Amino acid sequence: MHRQSAARLVRQSRTLLLAELPPPYLAPSLHFSQTIPSSNFSSTAVNAARRGRDLSKNRGVSAIHRTGPKHPLGVSKYPLPKPVDPGERPPRDPTPNHGLWEFFPRTREALSTPEYDVAHGRAWEVQELREKSWEDLHCLWWVCVKERNRIATSNLERKRLKAGYGDYEALERDRTIRKTQQNIKHVLRERWYAWEDAQALWKSGYRPPVEEDLDDFEPADSSQKKQ
């Protein structure tokens, strides 16, 4: 028989055989009869399932086998500390001026009232902050940070209790504090630029006049205009 005709008969027989088989989702093993070679592999040790003493001398501390160190350590002679019953602990002295109280209102309540949050002034203006020293700006900045932390603590407690009030007042107070912080950054940025300009003038060779000669000092631009 010709080779092409034999191959055609084999192909037709395969199609007929597949047509007689059930769908693949009902009997996938009939359609895909090739087996994937596999080996018996396990990441668990052979003796892991056994209970009792660990027979390996090279193994360290094992939580599975409940084995400790093979050799005594330097701290083995000291007894392990035991937890103390809370009822046996001595009472602690309260600290009325603890730093964590700054995360709460002055009344030391977990949740601030709307009357407390709405009682605040306006934000510090840039013109007012320009007259402050570095130490004053530093202190004012951290006062704003602590106040914002207190507002965040009250907001978290208000959300946990589902109080349903005080959100607007706390948001307005926080917005005022953030405006003050923005103005502080603006003043510090101005001082930084002024320091950079003064440093550039000094490097270019400019020296300010002595205080005694300030009355007779005239800028270079004004002298050129007079000439």
C-alpha atoms as a PDB file:
ATOM      1  CA  MET A   1       0.000   0.000   0.000  1.00  0.00           C
ATOM      2  CA  HIS A   2       1.199   3.483  -0.772  1.00  0.00           C
ATOM      3  CA  ARG A   3       2.689   5.380   2.176  1.00  0.00           C
ATOM      4  CA  GLN A   4       0.353   8.406   1.784  1.00  0.00           C
ATOM      5  CA  SER A   5      -2.765   6.218   1.673  1.00  0.00           C
ATOM      6  CA  ALA A   6      -1.608   4.354   4.789  1.00  0.00           C
ATOM      7  CA  ALA A   7      -1.082   7.586   6.631  1.00  0.00           C
ATOM      8  CA  ARG A   8      -4.528   8.776   5.551  1.00  0.00           C
ATOM      9  CA  LEU A   9      -6.129   5.582   6.905  1.00  0.00           C
ATOM     10  CA  VAL A  10      -4.319   5.966  10.217  1.00  0.00           C
ATOM     11  CA  ARG A  11      -5.478   9.578  10.477  1.00  0.00           C
ATOM     12  CA  GLN A  12      -9.080   8.610   9.711  1.00  0.00           C
ATOM     13  CA  SER A  13      -8.968   5.823  12.278  1.00  0.00           C
ATOM     14  CA  ARG A  14      -7.735   8.300  14.898  1.00  0.00           C
ATOM     15  CA  THR A  15     -10.548  10.735  14.106  1.00  0.00           C
ATOM     16  CA  LEU A  16     -13.114   7.949  14.326  1.00  0.00           C
ATOM     17  CA  LEU A  17     -11.665   6.807  17.615  1.00  0.00           C
ATOM     18  CA  LEU A  18     -11.767  10.318  19.034  1.00  0.00           C
ATOM     19  CA  ALA A  19     -15.318  10.785  17.777  1.00  0.00           C
ATOM     20  CA  GLU A  20     -16.447   7.712  19.707  1.00  0.00           C
ATOM     21  CA  LEU A  21     -14.840   8.914  22.924  1.00  0.00           C
ATOM     22  CA  PRO A  22     -16.782  11.052  25.429  1.00  0.00           C
ATOM     23  CA  PRO A  23     -16.051  14.821  25.694  1.00  0.00           C
ATOM     24  CA  PRO A  24     -12.754  15.815  27.305  1.00  0.00           C
ATOM     25  CA  TYR A  25     -14.417  17.367  30.368  1.00  0.00           C
ATOM     26  CA  LEU A  26     -16.108  14.023  31.128  1.00  0.00           C
ATOM     27  CA  ALA A  27     -13.118  11.740  30.595  1.00  0.00           C
ATOM     28  CA  PRO A  28      -9.922  13.722  30.209  1.00  0.00           C
ATOM     29  CA  SER A  29      -7.760  10.678  30.924  1.00  0.00           C
ATOM     30  CA  LEU A  30      -8.956   9.026  27.700  1.00  0.00           C
ATOM     31  CA  HIS A  31      -7.940  11.964  25.542  1.00  0.00           C
ATOM     32  CA  PHE A  32      -4.680  12.707  27.300  1.00  0.00           C
ATOM     33  CA  SER A  33      -3.242   9.334  28.073  1.00  0.00           C
ATOM     34  CA  GLN A  34       0.352  10.503  28.328  1.00  0.00           C
ATOM     35  CA  THR A  35       1.636  10.342  31.877  1.00  0.00           C
ATOM     36  CA  ILE A  36       4.055  12.894  33.287  1.00  0.00           C
ATOM     37  CA  PRO A  37       7.003  11.268  35.033  1.00  0.00           C
ATOM     38  CA  SER A  38       7.177  12.121  38.696  1.00  0.00           C
ATOM     39  CA  SER A  39       9.231  11.065  41.639  1.00  0.00           C
ATOM     40  CA  ASN A  40       8.427  10.631  45.267  1.00  0.00           C
ATOM     41  CA  PHE A  41       9.808  13.837  46.737  1.00  0.00           C
ATOM     42  CA  SER A  42       9.026  15.426  50.066  1.00  0.00           C
ATOM     43  CA  SER A  43      10.538  18.461  51.734  1.00  0.00           C
ATOM     44  CA  THR A  44       9.769  16.975  55.145  1.00  0.00           C
ATOM     45  CA  ALA A  45      12.410  14.876  56.798  1.00  0.00           C
ATOM     46  CA  VAL A  46      11.762  11.178  57.236  1.00  0.00           C
ATOM     47  CA  ASN A  47      11.911  11.376  60.996  1.00  0.00           C
ATOM     48  CA  ALA A  48       9.824  14.555  61.187  1.00  0.00           C
ATOM     49  CA  ALA A  49       6.604  12.668  61.811  1.00  0.00           C
ATOM     50  CA  ARG A  50       8.160  10.497  64.469  1.00  0.00           C
ATOM     51  CA  ARG A  51       7.689  11.447  68.047  1.00  0.00           C
ATOM     52  CA  GLY A  52      10.391  11.071  70.596  1.00  0.00           C
ATOM     53  CA  ARG A  53      14.020  11.925  70.911  1.00  0.00           C
ATOM     54  CA  ASP A  54      15.897  13.357  67.981  1.00  0.00           C
ATOM     55  CA  LEU A  55      18.673  10.938  66.997  1.00  0.00           C
ATOM     56  CA  SER A  56      20.673  13.405  64.950  1.00  0.00           C
ATOM     57  CA  LYS A  57      23.736  14.706  66.808  1.00  0.00           C
ATOM     58  CA  ASN A  58      24.314  17.547  64.357  1.00  0.00           C
ATOM     59  CA  ARG A  59      20.820  18.987  64.569  1.00  0.00           C
ATOM     60  CA  GLY A  60      20.267  22.138  66.585  1.00  0.00           C
ATOM     61  CA  VAL A  61      17.151  23.387  68.344  1.00  0.00           C
ATOM     62  CA  SER A  62      14.069  21.950  66.668  1.00  0.00           C
ATOM     63  CA  ALA A  63      10.498  22.995  67.366  1.00  0.00           C
ATOM     64  CA  ILE A  64       9.191  19.894  65.577  1.00  0.00           C
ATOM     65  CA  HIS A  65      11.180  17.407  67.626  1.00  0.00           C
ATOM     66  CA  ARG A  66      11.040  19.534  70.784  1.00  0.00           C
ATOM     67  CA  THR A  67      14.775  19.362  71.230  1.00  0.00           C
ATOM     68  CA  GLY A  68      16.929  21.926  72.968  1.00  0.00           C
ATOM     69  CA  PRO A  69      20.601  22.760  72.530  1.00  0.00           C
ATOM     70  CA  LYS A  70      22.979  19.783  72.491  1.00  0.00           C
ATOM     71  CA  HIS A  71      25.512  21.473  74.757  1.00  0.00           C
ATOM     72  CA  PRO A  72      24.901  23.646  77.851  1.00  0.00           C
ATOM     73  CA  LEU A  73      25.126  27.350  77.194  1.00  0.00           C
ATOM     74  CA  GLY A  74      26.688  30.073  79.323  1.00  0.00           C
ATOM     75  CA  VAL A  75      23.307  31.235  80.594  1.00  0.00           C
ATOM     76  CA  SER A  76      22.028  27.754  81.426  1.00  0.00           C
ATOM     77  CA  LYS A  77      23.017  28.123  85.076  1.00  0.00           C
ATOM     78  CA  TYR A  78      20.682  31.105  85.517  1.00  0.00           C
ATOM     79  CA  PRO A  79      16.987  30.378  86.055  1.00  0.00           C
ATOM     80  CA  LEU A  80      14.543  31.681  83.523  1.00  0.00           C
ATOM     81  CA  PRO A  81      12.387  34.620  84.668  1.00  0.00           C
ATOM     82  CA  LYS A  82       8.801  33.842  85.474  1.00  0.00           C
ATOM     83  CA  PRO A  83       5.912  36.202  84.693  1.00  0.00           C
ATOM     84  CA  VAL A  84       4.422  38.039  87.634  1.00  0.00           C
ATOM     85  CA  ASP A  85       0.716  37.964  88.317  1.00  0.00           C
ATOM     86  CA  PRO A  86      -0.809  41.407  87.663  1.00  0.00           C
ATOM     87  CA  GLY A  87      -2.499  41.244  91.031  1.00  0.00           C
ATOM     88  CA  GLU A  88       0.851  40.926  92.791  1.00  0.00           C
ATOM     89  CA  ARG A  89       2.432  43.935  91.126  1.00  0.00           C
ATOM     90  CA  PRO A  90       2.815  47.051  93.252  1.00  0.00           C
ATOM     91  CA  PRO A  91       0.568  49.966  92.292  1.00  0.00           C
ATOM     92  CA  ARG A  92       2.164  52.623  90.145  1.00  0.00           C
ATOM     93  CA  ASP A  93       2.170  56.258  91.101  1.00  0.00           C
ATOM     94  CA  PRO A  94       0.170  58.351  88.636  1.00  0.00           C
ATOM     95  CA  THR A  95       2.039  61.024  86.707  1.00  0.00           C
ATOM     96  CA  PRO A  96      -0.229  64.053  86.317  1.00  0.00           C
ATOM     97  CA  ASN A  97       2.166  65.824  83.951  1.00  0.00           C
ATOM     98  CA  HIS A  98       2.881  62.899  81.641  1.00  0.00           C
ATOM     99  CA  GLY A  99       3.764  63.829  78.060  1.00  0.00           C
ATOM    100  CA  LEU A 100       1.038  61.614  76.585  1.00  0.00           C
ATOM    101  CA  TRP A 101      -1.631  63.886  78.075  1.00  0.00           C
ATOM    102  CA  GLU A 102      -0.794  66.380  75.322  1.00  0.00           C
ATOM    103  CA  PHE A 103      -2.547  64.054  72.880  1.00  0.00           C
ATOM    104  CA  PHE A 104      -5.828  64.773  74.673  1.00  0.00           C
ATOM    105  CA  PRO A 105      -7.770  67.955  75.464  1.00  0.00           C
ATOM    106  CA  ARG A 106      -7.094  69.936  78.615  1.00  0.00           C
ATOM    107  CA  THR A 107     -10.009  68.187  80.279  1.00  0.00           C
ATOM    108  CA  ARG A 108      -8.137  64.878  79.672  1.00  0.00           C
ATOM    109  CA  GLU A 109     -11.100  63.277  78.001  1.00  0.00           C
ATOM    110  CA  ALA A 110     -10.766  60.763  75.182  1.00  0.00           C
ATOM    111  CA  LEU A 111     -13.039  62.773  72.891  1.00  0.00           C
ATOM    112  CA  SER A 112     -12.997  66.533  72.491  1.00  0.00           C
ATOM    113  CA  THR A 113     -16.257  68.433  72.306  1.00  0.00           C
ATOM    114  CA  PRO A 114     -17.241  70.712  69.412  1.00  0.00           C
ATOM    115  CA  GLU A 115     -17.203  73.679  71.799  1.00  0.00           C
ATOM    116  CA  TYR A 116     -13.565  72.971  72.607  1.00  0.00           C
ATOM    117  CA  ASP A 117     -12.521  72.610  68.949  1.00  0.00           C
ATOM    118  CA  VAL A 118     -14.345  75.717  67.789  1.00  0.00           C
ATOM    119  CA  ALA A 119     -12.736  77.920  70.459  1.00  0.00           C
ATOM    120  CA  HIS A 120      -9.601  78.959  68.554  1.00  0.00           C
ATOM    121  CA  GLY A 121      -8.213  82.075  66.952  1.00  0.00           C
ATOM    122  CA  ARG A 122      -6.942  82.795  63.478  1.00  0.00           C
ATOM    123  CA  ALA A 123      -3.752  81.555  61.895  1.00  0.00           C
ATOM    124  CA  TRP A 124      -0.453  83.418  62.299  1.00  0.00           C
ATOM    125  CA  GLU A 125       0.221  85.796  59.412  1.00  0.00           C
ATOM    126  CA  VAL A 126       3.497  85.952  57.502  1.00  0.00           C
ATOM    127  CA  GLN A 127       4.154  89.547  58.617  1.00  0.00           C
ATOM    128  CA  GLU A 128       3.852  88.500  62.255  1.00  0.00           C
ATOM    129  CA  LEU A 129       6.104  85.491  61.852  1.00  0.00           C
ATOM    130  CA  ARG A 130       8.853  87.533  60.176  1.00  0.00           C
ATOM    131  CA  GLU A 131       9.478  89.280  63.486  1.00  0.00           C
ATOM    132  CA  LYS A 132       9.953  85.975  65.341  1.00  0.00           C
ATOM    133  CA  SER A 133      13.352  84.442  66.050  1.00  0.00           C
ATOM    134  CA  TRP A 134      14.413  80.957  65.039  1.00  0.00           C
ATOM    135  CA  GLU A 135      13.720  79.588  68.529  1.00  0.00           C
ATOM    136  CA  ASP A 136      10.209  81.081  68.564  1.00  0.00           C
ATOM    137  CA  LEU A 137       9.386  79.628  65.151  1.00  0.00           C
ATOM    138  CA  HIS A 138      10.736  76.266  66.245  1.00  0.00           C
ATOM    139  CA  CYS A 139       8.571  76.242  69.389  1.00  0.00           C
ATOM    140  CA  LEU A 140       5.488  77.408  67.494  1.00  0.00           C
ATOM    141  CA  TRP A 141       5.961  74.686  64.894  1.00  0.00           C
ATOM    142  CA  TRP A 142       5.998  71.915  67.491  1.00  0.00           C
ATOM    143  CA  VAL A 143       3.008  73.396  69.270  1.00  0.00           C
ATOM    144  CA  CYS A 144       1.131  73.048  65.973  1.00  0.00           C
ATOM    145  CA  VAL A 145       2.369  69.472  65.572  1.00  0.00           C
ATOM    146  CA  LYS A 146       1.144  68.468  69.039  1.00  0.00           C
ATOM    147  CA  GLU A 147      -2.206  70.133  68.442  1.00  0.00           C
ATOM    148  CA  ARG A 148      -2.659  68.294  65.160  1.00  0.00           C
ATOM    149  CA  ASN A 149      -1.802  65.027  66.918  1.00  0.00           C
ATOM    150  CA  ARG A 150      -4.466  65.787  69.516  1.00  0.00           C
ATOM    151  CA  ILE A 151      -7.025  66.437  66.764  1.00  0.00           C
ATOM    152  CA  ALA A 152      -6.084  63.175  65.048  1.00  0.00           C
ATOM    153  CA  THR A 153      -6.528  61.291  68.345  1.00  0.00           C
ATOM    154  CA  SER A 154      -9.978  62.787  68.842  1.00  0.00           C
ATOM    155  CA  ASN A 155     -10.947  62.005  65.251  1.00  0.00           C
ATOM    156  CA  LEU A 156      -9.904  58.378  65.691  1.00  0.00           C
ATOM    157  CA  GLU A 157     -11.890  58.075  68.913  1.00  0.00           C
ATOM    158  CA  ARG A 158     -14.883  59.794  67.302  1.00  0.00           C
ATOM    159  CA  LYS A 159     -14.740  57.348  64.403  1.00  0.00           C
ATOM    160  CA  ARG A 160     -14.491  54.371  66.746  1.00  0.00           C
ATOM    161  CA  LEU A 161     -17.477  55.456  68.822  1.00  0.00           C
ATOM    162  CA  LYS A 162     -19.445  56.562  65.730  1.00  0.00           C
ATOM    163  CA  ALA A 163     -20.337  59.767  67.536  1.00  0.00           C
ATOM    164  CA  GLY A 164     -21.601  61.547  64.435  1.00  0.00           C
ATOM    165  CA  TYR A 165     -20.646  65.059  65.565  1.00  0.00           C
ATOM    166  CA  GLY A 166     -17.610  67.296  65.847  1.00  0.00           C
ATOM    167  CA  ASP A 167     -16.079  66.513  62.442  1.00  0.00           C
ATOM    168  CA  TYR A 168     -16.629  70.002  61.017  1.00  0.00           C
ATOM    169  CA  GLU A 169     -15.211  71.820  64.044  1.00  0.00           C
ATOM    170  CA  ALA A 170     -12.139  69.576  64.169  1.00  0.00           C
ATOM    171  CA  LEU A 171     -11.552  70.039  60.427  1.00  0.00           C
ATOM    172  CA  GLU A 172     -11.718  73.838  60.715  1.00  0.00           C
ATOM    173  CA  ARG A 173      -9.296  73.844  63.631  1.00  0.00           C
ATOM    174  CA  ASP A 174      -6.876  71.577  61.762  1.00  0.00           C
ATOM    175  CA  ARG A 175      -7.103  73.797  58.662  1.00  0.00           C
ATOM    176  CA  THR A 176      -6.162  76.859  60.736  1.00  0.00           C
ATOM    177  CA  ILE A 177      -3.164  75.069  62.225  1.00  0.00           C
ATOM    178  CA  ARG A 178      -1.981  73.913  58.809  1.00  0.00           C
ATOM    179  CA  LYS A 179      -2.215  77.504  57.557  1.00  0.00           C
ATOM    180  CA  THR A 180       0.117  78.577  60.382  1.00  0.00           C
ATOM    181  CA  GLN A 181       2.577  75.838  59.458  1.00  0.00           C
ATOM    182  CA  GLN A 182       2.525  76.930  55.820  1.00  0.00           C
ATOM    183  CA  ASN A 183       3.312  80.511  56.853  1.00  0.00           C
ATOM    184  CA  ILE A 184       6.187  79.310  59.044  1.00  0.00           C
ATOM    185  CA  LYS A 185       7.645  77.452  56.068  1.00  0.00           C
ATOM    186  CA  HIS A 186       7.225  80.592  53.951  1.00  0.00           C
ATOM    187  CA  VAL A 187       9.189  82.716  56.420  1.00  0.00           C
ATOM    188  CA  LEU A 188      11.949  80.123  56.745  1.00  0.00           C
ATOM    189  CA  ARG A 189      12.163  79.892  52.965  1.00  0.00           C
ATOM    190  CA  GLU A 190      12.572  83.657  52.722  1.00  0.00           C
ATOM    191  CA  ARG A 191      15.374  83.579  55.280  1.00  0.00           C
ATOM    192  CA  TRP A 192      17.085  80.767  53.429  1.00  0.00           C
ATOM    193  CA  TYR A 193      17.012  82.700  50.143  1.00  0.00           C
ATOM    194  CA  ALA A 194      18.297  85.832  51.915  1.00  0.00           C
ATOM    195  CA  TRP A 195      21.163  83.826  53.397  1.00  0.00           C
ATOM    196  CA  GLU A 196      22.051  82.432  49.961  1.00  0.00           C
ATOM    197  CA  ASP A 197      22.053  85.955  48.448  1.00  0.00           C
ATOM    198  CA  ALA A 198      24.251  87.271  51.257  1.00  0.00           C
ATOM    199  CA  GLN A 199      26.650  84.369  50.795  1.00  0.00           C
ATOM    200  CA  ALA A 200      26.853  85.031  47.053  1.00  0.00           C
ATOM    201  CA  LEU A 201      27.597  88.733  47.665  1.00  0.00           C
ATOM    202  CA  TRP A 202      30.339  87.843  50.128  1.00  0.00           C
ATOM    203  CA  LYS A 203      31.963  85.458  47.675  1.00  0.00           C
ATOM    204  CA  SER A 204      31.818  88.088  44.926  1.00  0.00           C
ATOM    205  CA  GLY A 205      33.969  90.435  47.053  1.00  0.00           C
ATOM    206  CA  TYR A 206      31.329  92.718  48.538  1.00  0.00           C
ATOM    207  CA  ARG A 207      31.920  93.820  52.120  1.00  0.00           C
ATOM    208  CA  PRO A 208      29.374  95.801  54.110  1.00  0.00           C
ATOM    209  CA  PRO A 209      30.502  99.232  55.341  1.00  0.00           C
ATOM    210  CA  VAL A 210      31.443  99.896  58.939  1.00  0.00           C
ATOM    211  CA  GLU A 211      28.673 101.258  61.160  1.00  0.00           C
ATOM    212  CA  GLU A 212      30.551 104.564  61.581  1.00  0.00           C
ATOM    213  CA  ASP A 213      30.521 105.184  57.847  1.00  0.00           C
ATOM    214  CA  LEU A 214      26.872 104.289  57.267  1.00  0.00           C
ATOM    215  CA  ASP A 215      25.817 107.964  57.175  1.00  0.00           C
ATOM    216  CA  ASP A 216      28.291 108.740  54.383  1.00  0.00           C
ATOM    217  CA  PHE A 217      27.707 105.495  52.489  1.00  0.00           C
ATOM    218  CA  GLU A 218      25.956 105.753  49.111  1.00  0.00           C
ATOM    219  CA  PRO A 219      25.023 102.822  46.930  1.00  0.00           C
ATOM    220  CA  ALA A 220      26.858 102.384  43.644  1.00  0.00           C
ATOM    221  CA  ASP A 221      23.694 102.775  41.571  1.00  0.00           C
ATOM    222  CA  SER A 222      22.798 106.121  43.136  1.00  0.00           C
ATOM    223  CA  SER A 223      26.323 107.481  42.624  1.00  0.00           C
ATOM    224  CA  GLN A 224      26.259 106.559  38.978  1.00  0.00           C
ATOM    225  CA  LYS A 225      22.932 108.299  38.513  1.00  0.00           C
ATOM    226  CA  LYS A 226      24.333 111.496  40.072  1.00  0.00           C
ATOM    227  CA  GLN A 227      27.265 111.476  37.670  1.00  0.00           C
END
